[in-house]
Amino acid sequence: MKTERRFRGIKATLPSKDCNKCGKPFSWRKKWAKCWEEVKFCSERCRRARRGAS
């Protein structure tokens, strides 16, 4: 029998922030666990465009 991986937590309880570039809210990701305080942008696209006019 094949085992299926599922998210077992409640996404609403995850911390979130607003992107410094576009202003959209984004949620915590496991890959950001060690550097969540330093994360400022929701995506690579926003990070690259950070110097442009919003």
N, C-alpha and C. Protein backbone atom coordinates (compact mmCIF):
# COMPACT_ATOMS: atom_id res chain seq x y z
N MET A 1 0.84 -1.18 0.00
CA MET A 1 0.00 0.00 0.00
C MET A 1 0.88 1.24 0.00
N LYS A 2 0.60 2.18 -0.89
CA LYS A 2 1.38 3.40 -1.02
C LYS A 2 0.96 4.42 0.04
N THR A 3 1.94 4.99 0.73
CA THR A 3 1.64 5.97 1.76
C THR A 3 1.60 7.37 1.14
N GLU A 4 0.61 8.13 1.50
CA GLU A 4 0.45 9.48 0.98
C GLU A 4 0.86 10.49 2.05
N ARG A 5 1.69 11.46 1.68
CA ARG A 5 2.11 12.49 2.64
C ARG A 5 1.12 13.64 2.59
N ARG A 6 0.70 14.08 3.75
CA ARG A 6 -0.25 15.17 3.86
C ARG A 6 0.20 16.16 4.92
N PHE A 7 -0.21 17.40 4.74
CA PHE A 7 0.03 18.42 5.76
C PHE A 7 -0.95 18.15 6.89
N ARG A 8 -0.45 17.97 8.10
CA ARG A 8 -1.31 17.61 9.22
C ARG A 8 -1.57 18.76 10.18
N GLY A 9 -0.96 19.91 9.93
CA GLY A 9 -1.16 21.05 10.81
C GLY A 9 -2.28 21.95 10.32
N ILE A 10 -2.45 23.05 11.00
CA ILE A 10 -3.46 24.02 10.62
C ILE A 10 -2.75 25.24 10.06
N LYS A 11 -2.93 25.51 8.77
CA LYS A 11 -2.21 26.61 8.12
C LYS A 11 -2.55 27.97 8.71
N ALA A 12 -3.75 28.13 9.23
CA ALA A 12 -4.16 29.41 9.81
C ALA A 12 -3.33 29.78 11.03
N THR A 13 -2.70 28.81 11.66
CA THR A 13 -1.90 29.08 12.86
C THR A 13 -0.45 29.45 12.53
N LEU A 14 -0.04 29.32 11.27
CA LEU A 14 1.32 29.67 10.88
C LEU A 14 1.49 31.18 10.89
N PRO A 15 2.66 31.68 11.28
CA PRO A 15 2.88 33.13 11.26
C PRO A 15 2.90 33.65 9.83
N SER A 16 2.56 34.91 9.66
CA SER A 16 2.60 35.51 8.33
C SER A 16 3.17 36.92 8.42
N LYS A 17 3.58 37.44 7.26
CA LYS A 17 4.13 38.79 7.14
C LYS A 17 3.60 39.40 5.86
N ASP A 18 3.78 40.71 5.71
CA ASP A 18 3.46 41.38 4.46
C ASP A 18 4.76 41.63 3.71
N CYS A 19 4.72 41.41 2.41
CA CYS A 19 5.89 41.59 1.55
C CYS A 19 6.27 43.07 1.51
N ASN A 20 7.57 43.37 1.60
CA ASN A 20 8.04 44.75 1.55
C ASN A 20 7.87 45.38 0.17
N LYS A 21 7.78 44.59 -0.88
CA LYS A 21 7.66 45.10 -2.23
C LYS A 21 6.20 45.25 -2.67
N CYS A 22 5.46 44.15 -2.64
CA CYS A 22 4.09 44.16 -3.18
C CYS A 22 3.01 44.33 -2.12
N GLY A 23 3.36 44.12 -0.86
CA GLY A 23 2.39 44.30 0.22
C GLY A 23 1.47 43.12 0.48
N LYS A 24 1.60 42.05 -0.30
CA LYS A 24 0.75 40.88 -0.11
C LYS A 24 1.21 40.08 1.10
N PRO A 25 0.26 39.50 1.84
CA PRO A 25 0.65 38.65 2.97
C PRO A 25 1.18 37.31 2.49
N PHE A 26 2.19 36.78 3.18
CA PHE A 26 2.71 35.46 2.87
C PHE A 26 2.98 34.73 4.17
N SER A 27 2.87 33.41 4.13
CA SER A 27 2.98 32.58 5.33
C SER A 27 4.37 31.98 5.49
N TRP A 28 4.63 31.56 6.70
CA TRP A 28 5.87 30.89 7.07
C TRP A 28 6.03 29.61 6.26
N ARG A 29 7.27 29.31 5.89
CA ARG A 29 7.60 28.06 5.20
C ARG A 29 8.69 27.36 5.99
N LYS A 30 8.71 26.05 5.88
CA LYS A 30 9.68 25.27 6.64
C LYS A 30 11.11 25.67 6.30
N LYS A 31 11.39 26.01 5.03
CA LYS A 31 12.75 26.38 4.63
C LYS A 31 13.19 27.70 5.27
N TRP A 32 12.23 28.49 5.78
CA TRP A 32 12.54 29.75 6.45
C TRP A 32 12.60 29.59 7.96
N ALA A 33 12.58 28.39 8.48
CA ALA A 33 12.53 28.16 9.92
C ALA A 33 13.68 28.83 10.67
N LYS A 34 14.87 28.79 10.13
CA LYS A 34 16.04 29.34 10.81
C LYS A 34 16.24 30.83 10.56
N CYS A 35 15.58 31.39 9.53
CA CYS A 35 15.83 32.79 9.18
C CYS A 35 14.54 33.59 9.00
N TRP A 36 13.47 33.21 9.66
CA TRP A 36 12.16 33.86 9.49
C TRP A 36 12.22 35.36 9.76
N GLU A 37 13.01 35.80 10.73
CA GLU A 37 13.12 37.22 11.05
C GLU A 37 13.76 38.01 9.92
N GLU A 38 14.58 37.37 9.09
CA GLU A 38 15.28 38.04 8.00
C GLU A 38 14.51 38.04 6.69
N VAL A 39 13.45 37.24 6.57
CA VAL A 39 12.67 37.15 5.34
C VAL A 39 11.82 38.41 5.21
N LYS A 40 11.94 39.10 4.04
CA LYS A 40 11.23 40.35 3.83
C LYS A 40 10.36 40.34 2.58
N PHE A 41 10.59 39.40 1.68
CA PHE A 41 9.88 39.39 0.41
C PHE A 41 9.16 38.06 0.22
N CYS A 42 8.01 38.10 -0.47
CA CYS A 42 7.19 36.90 -0.64
C CYS A 42 7.74 35.97 -1.72
N SER A 43 8.52 36.50 -2.65
CA SER A 43 9.00 35.67 -3.76
C SER A 43 10.34 36.19 -4.27
N GLU A 44 10.95 35.38 -5.09
CA GLU A 44 12.21 35.77 -5.73
C GLU A 44 11.99 36.99 -6.64
N ARG A 45 10.85 37.02 -7.30
CA ARG A 45 10.54 38.14 -8.19
C ARG A 45 10.48 39.47 -7.42
N CYS A 46 9.83 39.48 -6.28
CA CYS A 46 9.77 40.69 -5.45
C CYS A 46 11.15 41.06 -4.89
N ARG A 47 11.92 40.06 -4.53
CA ARG A 47 13.27 40.32 -4.00
C ARG A 47 14.14 40.98 -5.05
N ARG A 48 14.05 40.51 -6.29
CA ARG A 48 14.86 41.10 -7.38
C ARG A 48 14.41 42.50 -7.72
N ALA A 49 13.12 42.79 -7.59
CA ALA A 49 12.58 44.09 -7.97
C ALA A 49 12.54 45.06 -6.80
N ARG A 50 13.19 44.76 -5.70
CA ARG A 50 13.09 45.56 -4.49
C ARG A 50 13.54 47.01 -4.68
N ARG A 51 14.45 47.26 -5.60
CA ARG A 51 14.97 48.62 -5.79
C ARG A 51 14.10 49.47 -6.70
N GLY A 52 13.21 48.84 -7.45
CA GLY A 52 12.33 49.57 -8.38
C GLY A 52 11.22 50.31 -7.66
N ALA A 53 10.55 51.17 -8.37
CA ALA A 53 9.42 51.92 -7.80
C ALA A 53 8.23 51.01 -7.63
N SER A 54 7.53 51.15 -6.55
CA SER A 54 6.39 50.28 -6.28
C SER A 54 5.09 50.88 -6.72
